[in-house]
Structures are given as structure tokens and as C-alpha cells.
Amino acid sequence: MSIVLVSGPSGFVGSHVLPALIAGRHRVVALVRSERAGEVVLRRLEPAAREAVELRRGDVTRPETLPAALAGVEAIVHLVAIPRDRNGGADLRRVNTEGTRNLLEAATAAGVRRVVHLGGLGIEDDPRLHFASSKARAERLVAASGLDWTILKPSLLWGERDGFFNIVADLVRRSPGIVPVPGDGTARFQPLAVTDLARIVRLTIERPETAGRAYELGGPRVWTYREITREVVTALGARRAIVPLPVPVIGLVAGTAERLGLPFPVATDQLRQLTLDNVGPLDAVEREFGFAPLDMEGQLGYLRRRKRDQEPMI
């Protein structure tokens, strides 16, 4: 049993990682920025599981809040990240890169050596790709920290309360019979169940031999953007034509959605990243962690409920 601080416990990934750690008999320190976030964390857990969680206030963008939060902690699972911003990547750098730097420095000062960091598959430090660049730089900081680090690099994650698939589902619901996909829809992904990622996080905490390694993680098959969209349409029981649109046209729509604060499956920054494949070895999870990841086909029924209704009934 370890005492594990989880940053971002109220987020999508964090909401699945906490139950996995608790089921493994670990104590969890949930780093939350507000009382409301703490309430969300506890509400999603079974009553008996809440006893294994201690809420501590802190913010990775405010380094002065971190020393007290790290007192007595034995390991860190760093999940905090934002996927997009509206100011040319400044917020992405502030949260994803500098927030990681702040947490690593606080861990070093507190004597916490074990760090599991959530990176991303297919990212690279290209200044044109704001999100990818912010995450790639964060990964470099982790690898250069001198701590006992592990970097987990998943492809798209699916599961209750996810981001990408729920946005596609909302787009399908609003569409007048057609759903657009960027370019020819052949950008490739390897969707991984968030419950499988949560299991991998727990196993990583429990296996010292994973320190000093980065793992590319994906599900058991490769999906194109078009195939993913069709799977969402099927899960919703809808009838929609999937229409390829030139990336510049999609970019115009995405840019307009961003300015108006409307949901759209991809940001303009993410469209630029579609030139890069988001896939890794198909056998990585089973080879490295000893279990076969779930296939996404036929598993997206949770999308029939709106994202706000995908909260656990506790």
C-alpha cells in the first residue's frame, strides 16, 4: 500500500484512476483546486471508498500551494492537463508544461521520488502544435527530473465522461443528417478504454521496474477518424451520412466554434496534429502489463446518455 497524490482527480481520467487505486488498497491524496472539485471527487466514489481519500487543496500553476499538499506522500500520479486554449497556446504551456515543472520541483523538495506522468501518444515538440508541444515539453521535464518516473502515453481514451467521443456524439445529435470528418477521415487512432488506463496506472505504481520507462498505450486495433465517427453514430442508433470536408473548411468551423465557445470535436490546433498518426504497438498493453485491453467496438452505449448523465449512481 502506498500513499498516492493524484493531481486532476475530478477530471475524466482521474475519476477512473481513483477507484482503481483504492481497489488496490492504496491511500489517495486528491489534489483539488476548490471545495466544489473535492465534492465532485467524493460524490463519484462508493461511500466505503471515500474513507481511503484525503482531499488537499492545491494548484499546479501555483507552486506555493504544493509543499503542504505533498506532506507524507509516497508517490504522485500527475494527470492535470488541458486539451485546448484560446490564446495561442499560452494556457497550454502554463498548465501542461509549467504546471508539470512546478509539481516536479515540489516533489523533489519534499523527497517524493515516485512519479507517474500522463503523457500522450503521437505528440511532438512542434511550435505549430500548441497542445502537442506543451505535452512533449512536459514529458522531457519528467524524464530529466532525476526522479523515479514513468510516462504513460495513451491514444484517444474512451469511457463514461470522456471528452472526444461525447463531443462527437453531441455533434451527431445536432447534425441535420450528416456528420463532417476532417479531410478524408483517414487519420489513425488506437482508442484505449479509460478503465484499462486506470488499471495500468495502478500496476505502474505497484511495479518499481516500470521506473525510467515511457509506454505507448493503445487498444487492440487501429481506427480511422471516419470509422470512429461511424461507431459513435451506430452507438446512438442514429442514421447519418459521414461527409469528408477539406481541413481548411473544418478549420473555419472549428475556429468559429472556439470564438463562440461552442463544443466541437477538434480544436484548430488539434486539426494541425491530424497529420500525425496516433498509434503504437498493438500488443503493448498485454506485453507490458499482462492483460488484453478492451476492444471499443460495440462498447460506446454510454453515449446514449448525455455526458452530464454519465455520472455514477451512488
C-alpha atoms as a PDB file:
ATOM      1  CA  MET A   1       0.000   0.000   0.000  1.00  0.00           C
ATOM      2  CA  SER A   2       1.220   3.485  -0.922  1.00  0.00           C
ATOM      3  CA  ILE A   3       0.033   6.995  -0.199  1.00  0.00           C
ATOM      4  CA  VAL A   4      -0.513   8.391  -3.693  1.00  0.00           C
ATOM      5  CA  LEU A   5      -1.208  12.001  -4.566  1.00  0.00           C
ATOM      6  CA  VAL A   6      -3.356  12.322  -7.694  1.00  0.00           C
ATOM      7  CA  SER A   7      -3.434  15.652  -9.492  1.00  0.00           C
ATOM      8  CA  GLY A   8      -6.585  16.213 -11.525  1.00  0.00           C
ATOM      9  CA  PRO A   9      -8.758  13.759  -9.535  1.00  0.00           C
ATOM     10  CA  SER A  10     -12.012  15.432 -10.567  1.00  0.00           C
ATOM     11  CA  GLY A  11     -11.257  15.120 -14.289  1.00  0.00           C
ATOM     12  CA  PHE A  12     -12.253  12.359 -16.675  1.00  0.00           C
ATOM     13  CA  VAL A  13      -9.143  10.217 -16.213  1.00  0.00           C
ATOM     14  CA  GLY A  14      -8.844  10.983 -12.515  1.00  0.00           C
ATOM     15  CA  SER A  15     -12.421   9.864 -11.869  1.00  0.00           C
ATOM     16  CA  HIS A  16     -11.465   6.390 -13.115  1.00  0.00           C
ATOM     17  CA  VAL A  17      -7.955   6.252 -11.645  1.00  0.00           C
ATOM     18  CA  LEU A  18      -9.071   6.901  -8.065  1.00  0.00           C
ATOM     19  CA  PRO A  19     -11.325   3.816  -7.798  1.00  0.00           C
ATOM     20  CA  ALA A  20      -8.580   1.675  -9.345  1.00  0.00           C
ATOM     21  CA  LEU A  21      -6.003   2.854  -6.796  1.00  0.00           C
ATOM     22  CA  ILE A  22      -8.418   2.431  -3.905  1.00  0.00           C
ATOM     23  CA  ALA A  23      -9.309  -1.085  -5.094  1.00  0.00           C
ATOM     24  CA  GLY A  24      -5.561  -1.803  -4.950  1.00  0.00           C
ATOM     25  CA  ARG A  25      -5.606  -0.755  -1.260  1.00  0.00           C
ATOM     26  CA  HIS A  26      -3.710   2.467  -1.820  1.00  0.00           C
ATOM     27  CA  ARG A  27      -4.459   5.632   0.106  1.00  0.00           C
ATOM     28  CA  VAL A  28      -5.222   8.595  -2.153  1.00  0.00           C
ATOM     29  CA  VAL A  29      -4.440  12.246  -1.595  1.00  0.00           C
ATOM     30  CA  ALA A  30      -6.677  14.087  -4.058  1.00  0.00           C
ATOM     31  CA  LEU A  31      -5.216  17.436  -5.095  1.00  0.00           C
ATOM     32  CA  VAL A  32      -8.161  19.748  -5.753  1.00  0.00           C
ATOM     33  CA  ARG A  33      -8.327  23.457  -6.500  1.00  0.00           C
ATOM     34  CA  SER A  34     -11.676  24.104  -4.857  1.00  0.00           C
ATOM     35  CA  GLU A  35     -14.175  22.770  -2.365  1.00  0.00           C
ATOM     36  CA  ARG A  36     -16.577  22.052  -5.211  1.00  0.00           C
ATOM     37  CA  ALA A  37     -13.985  19.913  -7.020  1.00  0.00           C
ATOM     38  CA  GLY A  38     -13.490  17.942  -3.814  1.00  0.00           C
ATOM     39  CA  GLU A  39     -17.223  17.349  -3.551  1.00  0.00           C
ATOM     40  CA  VAL A  40     -17.250  16.012  -7.115  1.00  0.00           C
ATOM     41  CA  VAL A  41     -14.380  13.631  -6.325  1.00  0.00           C
ATOM     42  CA  LEU A  42     -16.109  12.154  -3.288  1.00  0.00           C
ATOM     43  CA  ARG A  43     -19.570  12.011  -4.871  1.00  0.00           C
ATOM     44  CA  ARG A  44     -18.283   9.709  -7.625  1.00  0.00           C
ATOM     45  CA  LEU A  45     -16.930   7.154  -5.122  1.00  0.00           C
ATOM     46  CA  GLU A  46     -18.715   4.422  -3.231  1.00  0.00           C
ATOM     47  CA  PRO A  47     -19.245   5.514   0.403  1.00  0.00           C
ATOM     48  CA  ALA A  48     -16.757   2.930   1.718  1.00  0.00           C
ATOM     49  CA  ALA A  49     -14.116   4.081  -0.777  1.00  0.00           C
ATOM     50  CA  ARG A  50     -14.309   7.682   0.407  1.00  0.00           C
ATOM     51  CA  GLU A  51     -12.545   6.677   3.614  1.00  0.00           C
ATOM     52  CA  ALA A  52      -9.394   6.000   1.555  1.00  0.00           C
ATOM     53  CA  VAL A  53      -9.310   9.554   0.151  1.00  0.00           C
ATOM     54  CA  GLU A  54      -7.940  12.721   1.713  1.00  0.00           C
ATOM     55  CA  LEU A  55      -8.730  15.997  -0.029  1.00  0.00           C
ATOM     56  CA  ARG A  56      -5.963  18.588  -0.104  1.00  0.00           C
ATOM     57  CA  ARG A  57      -6.144  21.987  -1.731  1.00  0.00           C
ATOM     58  CA  GLY A  58      -3.511  22.900  -4.278  1.00  0.00           C
ATOM     59  CA  ASP A  59      -2.943  24.107  -7.822  1.00  0.00           C
ATOM     60  CA  VAL A  60      -0.048  23.029 -10.036  1.00  0.00           C
ATOM     61  CA  THR A  61       0.090  26.541 -11.523  1.00  0.00           C
ATOM     62  CA  ARG A  62       0.613  27.993  -8.029  1.00  0.00           C
ATOM     63  CA  PRO A  63       3.789  26.358  -6.686  1.00  0.00           C
ATOM     64  CA  GLU A  64       3.376  27.882  -3.222  1.00  0.00           C
ATOM     65  CA  THR A  65       0.304  25.638  -2.685  1.00  0.00           C
ATOM     66  CA  LEU A  66       2.145  22.362  -3.324  1.00  0.00           C
ATOM     67  CA  PRO A  67       4.506  21.727  -0.365  1.00  0.00           C
ATOM     68  CA  ALA A  68       1.710  21.243   2.160  1.00  0.00           C
ATOM     69  CA  ALA A  69      -0.199  19.032  -0.269  1.00  0.00           C
ATOM     70  CA  LEU A  70       2.794  16.705  -0.654  1.00  0.00           C
ATOM     71  CA  ALA A  71       3.415  16.119   3.052  1.00  0.00           C
ATOM     72  CA  GLY A  72       3.646  12.374   3.769  1.00  0.00           C
ATOM     73  CA  VAL A  73       3.058  11.407   0.123  1.00  0.00           C
ATOM     74  CA  GLU A  74       4.974   8.422  -1.285  1.00  0.00           C
ATOM     75  CA  ALA A  75       4.078   8.639  -4.980  1.00  0.00           C
ATOM     76  CA  ILE A  76       2.458  11.047  -7.436  1.00  0.00           C
ATOM     77  CA  VAL A  77       0.123  10.370 -10.357  1.00  0.00           C
ATOM     78  CA  HIS A  78       0.137  13.550 -12.444  1.00  0.00           C
ATOM     79  CA  LEU A  79      -2.980  13.814 -14.607  1.00  0.00           C
ATOM     80  CA  VAL A  80      -3.612  17.563 -14.789  1.00  0.00           C
ATOM     81  CA  ALA A  81      -3.693  18.891 -18.353  1.00  0.00           C
ATOM     82  CA  ILE A  82      -5.934  20.984 -20.569  1.00  0.00           C
ATOM     83  CA  PRO A  83      -6.561  19.964 -24.216  1.00  0.00           C
ATOM     84  CA  ARG A  84      -7.002  23.383 -25.791  1.00  0.00           C
ATOM     85  CA  ASP A  85      -6.974  27.116 -25.175  1.00  0.00           C
ATOM     86  CA  ARG A  86      -7.956  30.306 -26.948  1.00  0.00           C
ATOM     87  CA  ASN A  87      -4.795  32.355 -26.585  1.00  0.00           C
ATOM     88  CA  GLY A  88      -2.237  30.822 -28.888  1.00  0.00           C
ATOM     89  CA  GLY A  89      -1.039  28.118 -26.554  1.00  0.00           C
ATOM     90  CA  ALA A  90      -0.212  30.305 -23.539  1.00  0.00           C
ATOM     91  CA  ASP A  91      -2.599  28.496 -21.182  1.00  0.00           C
ATOM     92  CA  LEU A  92      -1.458  25.129 -22.526  1.00  0.00           C
ATOM     93  CA  ARG A  93       2.123  25.996 -21.652  1.00  0.00           C
ATOM     94  CA  ARG A  94       1.139  27.426 -18.257  1.00  0.00           C
ATOM     95  CA  VAL A  95      -0.833  24.333 -17.181  1.00  0.00           C
ATOM     96  CA  ASN A  96       0.619  21.417 -19.122  1.00  0.00           C
ATOM     97  CA  THR A  97       4.294  22.368 -19.158  1.00  0.00           C
ATOM     98  CA  GLU A  98       4.911  24.770 -16.292  1.00  0.00           C
ATOM     99  CA  GLY A  99       2.384  23.031 -14.046  1.00  0.00           C
ATOM    100  CA  THR A 100       4.366  19.832 -14.518  1.00  0.00           C
ATOM    101  CA  ARG A 101       7.603  21.667 -13.787  1.00  0.00           C
ATOM    102  CA  ASN A 102       6.131  23.084 -10.568  1.00  0.00           C
ATOM    103  CA  LEU A 103       4.945  19.673  -9.362  1.00  0.00           C
ATOM    104  CA  LEU A 104       8.275  18.011 -10.137  1.00  0.00           C
ATOM    105  CA  GLU A 105      10.183  20.690  -8.250  1.00  0.00           C
ATOM    106  CA  ALA A 106       7.822  20.389  -5.294  1.00  0.00           C
ATOM    107  CA  ALA A 107       8.204  16.597  -5.328  1.00  0.00           C
ATOM    108  CA  THR A 108      11.985  16.892  -5.314  1.00  0.00           C
ATOM    109  CA  ALA A 109      11.895  19.332  -2.407  1.00  0.00           C
ATOM    110  CA  ALA A 110       9.503  17.079  -0.474  1.00  0.00           C
ATOM    111  CA  GLY A 111      11.568  13.933  -1.097  1.00  0.00           C
ATOM    112  CA  VAL A 112       8.823  12.243  -3.148  1.00  0.00           C
ATOM    113  CA  ARG A 113      10.696  10.181  -5.715  1.00  0.00           C
ATOM    114  CA  ARG A 114       7.986   8.165  -7.499  1.00  0.00           C
ATOM    115  CA  VAL A 115       6.108   9.992 -10.269  1.00  0.00           C
ATOM    116  CA  VAL A 116       3.722   8.550 -12.855  1.00  0.00           C
ATOM    117  CA  HIS A 117       3.005  11.109 -15.552  1.00  0.00           C
ATOM    118  CA  LEU A 118       0.176  11.008 -18.099  1.00  0.00           C
ATOM    119  CA  GLY A 119       1.608  11.974 -21.472  1.00  0.00           C
ATOM    120  CA  GLY A 120       0.164  11.321 -24.899  1.00  0.00           C
ATOM    121  CA  LEU A 121       0.703   9.121 -27.919  1.00  0.00           C
ATOM    122  CA  GLY A 122       1.935  10.717 -31.126  1.00  0.00           C
ATOM    123  CA  ILE A 123       2.919  14.080 -29.656  1.00  0.00           C
ATOM    124  CA  GLU A 124       5.998  16.041 -30.674  1.00  0.00           C
ATOM    125  CA  ASP A 125       7.521  19.398 -29.830  1.00  0.00           C
ATOM    126  CA  ASP A 126       6.416  21.308 -32.913  1.00  0.00           C
ATOM    127  CA  PRO A 127       5.716  25.017 -32.258  1.00  0.00           C
ATOM    128  CA  ARG A 128       2.793  24.841 -34.699  1.00  0.00           C
ATOM    129  CA  LEU A 129       1.126  22.228 -32.469  1.00  0.00           C
ATOM    130  CA  HIS A 130       0.404  24.012 -29.221  1.00  0.00           C
ATOM    131  CA  PHE A 131      -1.083  21.121 -27.259  1.00  0.00           C
ATOM    132  CA  ALA A 132       1.407  18.548 -28.517  1.00  0.00           C
ATOM    133  CA  SER A 133       4.306  20.884 -27.855  1.00  0.00           C
ATOM    134  CA  SER A 134       3.149  21.632 -24.309  1.00  0.00           C
ATOM    135  CA  LYS A 135       2.832  17.909 -23.527  1.00  0.00           C
ATOM    136  CA  ALA A 136       6.104  16.931 -25.235  1.00  0.00           C
ATOM    137  CA  ARG A 137       7.981  19.524 -23.197  1.00  0.00           C
ATOM    138  CA  ALA A 138       6.312  18.269 -20.025  1.00  0.00           C
ATOM    139  CA  GLU A 139       7.436  14.727 -20.831  1.00  0.00           C
ATOM    140  CA  ARG A 140      11.004  15.949 -21.278  1.00  0.00           C
ATOM    141  CA  LEU A 141      10.864  17.665 -17.899  1.00  0.00           C
ATOM    142  CA  VAL A 142       9.685  14.419 -16.281  1.00  0.00           C
ATOM    143  CA  ALA A 143      12.408  12.365 -17.955  1.00  0.00           C
ATOM    144  CA  ALA A 144      15.087  14.861 -16.873  1.00  0.00           C
ATOM    145  CA  SER A 145      13.802  15.215 -13.303  1.00  0.00           C
ATOM    146  CA  GLY A 146      16.120  12.669 -11.701  1.00  0.00           C
ATOM    147  CA  LEU A 147      13.078  11.110 -10.019  1.00  0.00           C
ATOM    148  CA  ASP A 148      11.774   7.557 -10.386  1.00  0.00           C
ATOM    149  CA  TRP A 149       9.442   8.459 -13.211  1.00  0.00           C
ATOM    150  CA  THR A 150       7.170   6.548 -15.570  1.00  0.00           C
ATOM    151  CA  ILE A 151       5.437   8.179 -18.538  1.00  0.00           C
ATOM    152  CA  LEU A 152       2.192   6.655 -19.839  1.00  0.00           C
ATOM    153  CA  LYS A 153       1.356   7.725 -23.404  1.00  0.00           C
ATOM    154  CA  PRO A 154      -2.190   6.668 -24.357  1.00  0.00           C
ATOM    155  CA  SER A 155      -4.038   7.200 -27.607  1.00  0.00           C
ATOM    156  CA  LEU A 156      -7.637   8.504 -27.528  1.00  0.00           C
ATOM    157  CA  LEU A 157      -9.394   7.431 -24.343  1.00  0.00           C
ATOM    158  CA  TRP A 158     -13.000   6.259 -24.308  1.00  0.00           C
ATOM    159  CA  GLY A 159     -15.333   5.697 -21.390  1.00  0.00           C
ATOM    160  CA  GLU A 160     -18.004   7.402 -19.328  1.00  0.00           C
ATOM    161  CA  ARG A 161     -17.487  11.182 -19.101  1.00  0.00           C
ATOM    162  CA  ASP A 162     -14.818  11.195 -21.841  1.00  0.00           C
ATOM    163  CA  GLY A 163     -14.154  14.299 -23.872  1.00  0.00           C
ATOM    164  CA  PHE A 164     -13.700  13.418 -27.542  1.00  0.00           C
ATOM    165  CA  PHE A 165     -16.375  10.748 -28.019  1.00  0.00           C
ATOM    166  CA  ASN A 166     -19.036  12.681 -26.120  1.00  0.00           C
ATOM    167  CA  ILE A 167     -18.380  15.740 -28.284  1.00  0.00           C
ATOM    168  CA  VAL A 168     -18.712  13.650 -31.444  1.00  0.00           C
ATOM    169  CA  ALA A 169     -21.968  12.253 -30.040  1.00  0.00           C
ATOM    170  CA  ASP A 170     -23.292  15.774 -29.407  1.00  0.00           C
ATOM    171  CA  LEU A 171     -22.336  16.723 -32.970  1.00  0.00           C
ATOM    172  CA  VAL A 172     -24.269  13.713 -34.282  1.00  0.00           C
ATOM    173  CA  ARG A 173     -27.330  14.695 -32.227  1.00  0.00           C
ATOM    174  CA  ARG A 174     -27.283  18.236 -33.617  1.00  0.00           C
ATOM    175  CA  SER A 175     -26.477  17.314 -37.205  1.00  0.00           C
ATOM    176  CA  PRO A 176     -29.097  17.640 -39.965  1.00  0.00           C
ATOM    177  CA  GLY A 177     -28.493  14.162 -41.329  1.00  0.00           C
ATOM    178  CA  ILE A 178     -24.762  14.500 -41.982  1.00  0.00           C
ATOM    179  CA  VAL A 179     -21.627  14.433 -39.837  1.00  0.00           C
ATOM    180  CA  PRO A 180     -18.425  16.053 -41.153  1.00  0.00           C
ATOM    181  CA  VAL A 181     -14.989  14.497 -40.723  1.00  0.00           C
ATOM    182  CA  PRO A 182     -11.706  16.330 -41.344  1.00  0.00           C
ATOM    183  CA  GLY A 183     -10.051  15.751 -44.693  1.00  0.00           C
ATOM    184  CA  ASP A 184     -10.604  12.222 -45.981  1.00  0.00           C
ATOM    185  CA  GLY A 185     -11.161  10.866 -42.454  1.00  0.00           C
ATOM    186  CA  THR A 186      -8.143   8.567 -42.602  1.00  0.00           C
ATOM    187  CA  ALA A 187      -6.262   9.968 -39.581  1.00  0.00           C
ATOM    188  CA  ARG A 188      -5.484   6.905 -37.457  1.00  0.00           C
ATOM    189  CA  PHE A 189      -6.062   6.325 -33.743  1.00  0.00           C
ATOM    190  CA  GLN A 190      -5.851   3.416 -31.328  1.00  0.00           C
ATOM    191  CA  PRO A 191      -8.605   4.090 -28.765  1.00  0.00           C
ATOM    192  CA  LEU A 192      -7.950   2.774 -25.264  1.00  0.00           C
ATOM    193  CA  ALA A 193     -10.568   2.223 -22.563  1.00  0.00           C
ATOM    194  CA  VAL A 194     -10.025   4.618 -19.672  1.00  0.00           C
ATOM    195  CA  THR A 195     -10.666   1.727 -17.272  1.00  0.00           C
ATOM    196  CA  ASP A 196      -7.712  -0.087 -18.842  1.00  0.00           C
ATOM    197  CA  LEU A 197      -5.556   3.014 -18.417  1.00  0.00           C
ATOM    198  CA  ALA A 198      -6.625   3.241 -14.767  1.00  0.00           C
ATOM    199  CA  ARG A 199      -5.570  -0.372 -14.250  1.00  0.00           C
ATOM    200  CA  ILE A 200      -2.222   0.387 -15.878  1.00  0.00           C
ATOM    201  CA  VAL A 201      -1.712   3.367 -13.539  1.00  0.00           C
ATOM    202  CA  ARG A 202      -2.250   1.109 -10.530  1.00  0.00           C
ATOM    203  CA  LEU A 203       0.086  -1.562 -11.864  1.00  0.00           C
ATOM    204  CA  THR A 204       2.729   1.069 -12.600  1.00  0.00           C
ATOM    205  CA  ILE A 205       2.596   2.353  -9.028  1.00  0.00           C
ATOM    206  CA  GLU A 206       2.990  -1.220  -7.778  1.00  0.00           C
ATOM    207  CA  ARG A 207       5.882  -2.223 -10.065  1.00  0.00           C
ATOM    208  CA  PRO A 208       9.186  -0.455  -9.354  1.00  0.00           C
ATOM    209  CA  GLU A 209      10.652  -1.940 -12.545  1.00  0.00           C
ATOM    210  CA  THR A 210       8.487   0.438 -14.617  1.00  0.00           C
ATOM    211  CA  ALA A 211      10.525   3.419 -13.402  1.00  0.00           C
ATOM    212  CA  GLY A 212      12.580   5.144 -16.055  1.00  0.00           C
ATOM    213  CA  ARG A 213      10.351   3.960 -18.902  1.00  0.00           C
ATOM    214  CA  ALA A 214       7.783   5.525 -21.244  1.00  0.00           C
ATOM    215  CA  TYR A 215       4.965   3.311 -22.516  1.00  0.00           C
ATOM    216  CA  GLU A 216       2.974   3.874 -25.712  1.00  0.00           C
ATOM    217  CA  LEU A 217      -0.510   2.572 -24.986  1.00  0.00           C
ATOM    218  CA  GLY A 218      -3.468   1.837 -27.228  1.00  0.00           C
ATOM    219  CA  GLY A 219      -6.343  -0.535 -27.701  1.00  0.00           C
ATOM    220  CA  PRO A 220      -6.213  -3.775 -29.696  1.00  0.00           C
ATOM    221  CA  ARG A 221      -6.976  -2.260 -33.106  1.00  0.00           C
ATOM    222  CA  VAL A 222      -6.458   0.847 -35.204  1.00  0.00           C
ATOM    223  CA  TRP A 223      -9.427   3.055 -36.124  1.00  0.00           C
ATOM    224  CA  THR A 224      -9.631   5.884 -38.648  1.00  0.00           C
ATOM    225  CA  TYR A 225     -11.432   9.098 -37.767  1.00  0.00           C
ATOM    226  CA  ARG A 226     -14.202   8.072 -40.157  1.00  0.00           C
ATOM    227  CA  GLU A 227     -14.567   4.643 -38.531  1.00  0.00           C
ATOM    228  CA  ILE A 228     -14.714   6.228 -35.077  1.00  0.00           C
ATOM    229  CA  THR A 229     -17.454   8.598 -36.212  1.00  0.00           C
ATOM    230  CA  ARG A 230     -19.414   5.684 -37.699  1.00  0.00           C
ATOM    231  CA  GLU A 231     -19.071   3.750 -34.419  1.00  0.00           C
ATOM    232  CA  VAL A 232     -20.477   6.727 -32.485  1.00  0.00           C
ATOM    233  CA  VAL A 233     -23.386   7.025 -34.934  1.00  0.00           C
ATOM    234  CA  THR A 234     -24.083   3.309 -34.506  1.00  0.00           C
ATOM    235  CA  ALA A 235     -23.912   3.546 -30.706  1.00  0.00           C
ATOM    236  CA  LEU A 236     -26.528   6.292 -30.769  1.00  0.00           C
ATOM    237  CA  GLY A 237     -28.821   4.274 -33.038  1.00  0.00           C
ATOM    238  CA  ALA A 238     -28.787   7.189 -35.477  1.00  0.00           C
ATOM    239  CA  ARG A 239     -28.780   7.397 -39.265  1.00  0.00           C
ATOM    240  CA  ARG A 240     -26.236   9.897 -40.554  1.00  0.00           C
ATOM    241  CA  ALA A 241     -24.160  10.313 -43.679  1.00  0.00           C
ATOM    242  CA  ILE A 242     -20.479  10.844 -42.910  1.00  0.00           C
ATOM    243  CA  VAL A 243     -19.153  13.577 -45.176  1.00  0.00           C
ATOM    244  CA  PRO A 244     -15.441  14.314 -45.639  1.00  0.00           C
ATOM    245  CA  LEU A 245     -14.691  18.043 -45.622  1.00  0.00           C
ATOM    246  CA  PRO A 246     -11.411  19.748 -46.513  1.00  0.00           C
ATOM    247  CA  VAL A 247      -9.348  20.532 -43.429  1.00  0.00           C
ATOM    248  CA  PRO A 248      -9.424  24.322 -44.165  1.00  0.00           C
ATOM    249  CA  VAL A 249     -13.240  24.219 -44.141  1.00  0.00           C
ATOM    250  CA  ILE A 250     -13.307  22.206 -40.901  1.00  0.00           C
ATOM    251  CA  GLY A 251     -10.754  24.663 -39.521  1.00  0.00           C
ATOM    252  CA  LEU A 252     -13.075  27.556 -40.287  1.00  0.00           C
ATOM    253  CA  VAL A 253     -15.935  25.801 -38.488  1.00  0.00           C
ATOM    254  CA  ALA A 254     -13.699  24.848 -35.546  1.00  0.00           C
ATOM    255  CA  GLY A 255     -12.345  28.390 -35.297  1.00  0.00           C
ATOM    256  CA  THR A 256     -15.855  29.826 -35.266  1.00  0.00           C
ATOM    257  CA  ALA A 257     -16.906  27.316 -32.595  1.00  0.00           C
ATOM    258  CA  GLU A 258     -13.901  28.305 -30.476  1.00  0.00           C
ATOM    259  CA  ARG A 259     -14.691  32.014 -30.735  1.00  0.00           C
ATOM    260  CA  LEU A 260     -18.312  31.378 -29.763  1.00  0.00           C
ATOM    261  CA  GLY A 261     -17.428  28.907 -27.011  1.00  0.00           C
ATOM    262  CA  LEU A 262     -19.338  26.084 -28.708  1.00  0.00           C
ATOM    263  CA  PRO A 263     -18.297  22.412 -28.473  1.00  0.00           C
ATOM    264  CA  PHE A 264     -16.580  20.844 -31.478  1.00  0.00           C
ATOM    265  CA  PRO A 265     -14.700  17.509 -31.600  1.00  0.00           C
ATOM    266  CA  VAL A 266     -11.366  19.076 -32.584  1.00  0.00           C
ATOM    267  CA  ALA A 267      -9.749  22.431 -31.973  1.00  0.00           C
ATOM    268  CA  THR A 268      -7.917  24.269 -34.741  1.00  0.00           C
ATOM    269  CA  ASP A 269      -4.679  23.303 -33.001  1.00  0.00           C
ATOM    270  CA  GLN A 270      -5.713  19.645 -32.963  1.00  0.00           C
ATOM    271  CA  LEU A 271      -6.590  19.749 -36.666  1.00  0.00           C
ATOM    272  CA  ARG A 272      -2.978  20.565 -37.412  1.00  0.00           C
ATOM    273  CA  GLN A 273      -1.965  17.460 -35.486  1.00  0.00           C
ATOM    274  CA  LEU A 274      -4.101  15.169 -37.652  1.00  0.00           C
ATOM    275  CA  THR A 275      -1.142  14.903 -39.997  1.00  0.00           C
ATOM    276  CA  LEU A 276       0.497  12.717 -37.316  1.00  0.00           C
ATOM    277  CA  ASP A 277      -0.681   9.151 -36.641  1.00  0.00           C
ATOM    278  CA  ASN A 278      -1.840   8.435 -33.095  1.00  0.00           C
ATOM    279  CA  VAL A 279      -0.966   4.756 -32.971  1.00  0.00           C
ATOM    280  CA  GLY A 280       1.588   2.487 -31.313  1.00  0.00           C
ATOM    281  CA  PRO A 281       2.278  -1.260 -30.947  1.00  0.00           C
ATOM    282  CA  LEU A 282      -0.968  -3.240 -30.901  1.00  0.00           C
ATOM    283  CA  ASP A 283       0.352  -5.674 -28.273  1.00  0.00           C
ATOM    284  CA  ALA A 284       1.922  -3.129 -25.902  1.00  0.00           C
ATOM    285  CA  VAL A 285      -0.626  -3.370 -23.078  1.00  0.00           C
ATOM    286  CA  GLU A 286      -0.682  -7.160 -22.988  1.00  0.00           C
ATOM    287  CA  ARG A 287       3.095  -7.446 -23.406  1.00  0.00           C
ATOM    288  CA  GLU A 288       3.990  -4.885 -20.747  1.00  0.00           C
ATOM    289  CA  PHE A 289       1.119  -5.184 -18.258  1.00  0.00           C
ATOM    290  CA  GLY A 290      -0.195  -8.706 -18.735  1.00  0.00           C
ATOM    291  CA  PHE A 291      -3.788  -8.196 -19.838  1.00  0.00           C
ATOM    292  CA  ALA A 292      -5.654  -7.680 -23.114  1.00  0.00           C
ATOM    293  CA  PRO A 293      -7.227  -4.212 -23.476  1.00  0.00           C
ATOM    294  CA  LEU A 294     -10.891  -3.868 -24.367  1.00  0.00           C
ATOM    295  CA  ASP A 295     -11.937  -3.506 -27.988  1.00  0.00           C
ATOM    296  CA  MET A 296     -14.038  -0.355 -28.450  1.00  0.00           C
ATOM    297  CA  GLU A 297     -16.403  -1.937 -30.989  1.00  0.00           C
ATOM    298  CA  GLY A 298     -19.911  -2.134 -29.553  1.00  0.00           C
ATOM    299  CA  GLN A 299     -18.839  -0.581 -26.238  1.00  0.00           C
ATOM    300  CA  LEU A 300     -19.968   3.045 -26.681  1.00  0.00           C
ATOM    301  CA  GLY A 301     -23.524   2.581 -25.408  1.00  0.00           C
ATOM    302  CA  TYR A 302     -22.842   5.054 -22.605  1.00  0.00           C
ATOM    303  CA  LEU A 303     -23.045   7.789 -25.258  1.00  0.00           C
ATOM    304  CA  ARG A 304     -26.823   7.298 -25.400  1.00  0.00           C
ATOM    305  CA  ARG A 305     -26.806   9.285 -22.171  1.00  0.00           C
ATOM    306  CA  ARG A 306     -25.646  12.876 -22.208  1.00  0.00           C
ATOM    307  CA  LYS A 307     -22.278  13.462 -20.594  1.00  0.00           C
ATOM    308  CA  ARG A 308     -23.881  15.071 -17.554  1.00  0.00           C
ATOM    309  CA  ASP A 309     -25.934  11.892 -17.058  1.00  0.00           C
ATOM    310  CA  GLN A 310     -22.924   9.554 -17.162  1.00  0.00           C
ATOM    311  CA  GLU A 311     -22.110  10.181 -13.510  1.00  0.00           C
ATOM    312  CA  PRO A 312     -22.163   7.021 -11.364  1.00  0.00           C
ATOM    313  CA  MET A 313     -25.416   6.464  -9.481  1.00  0.00           C
ATOM    314  CA  ILE A 314     -24.200   6.371  -5.863  1.00  0.00           C
END
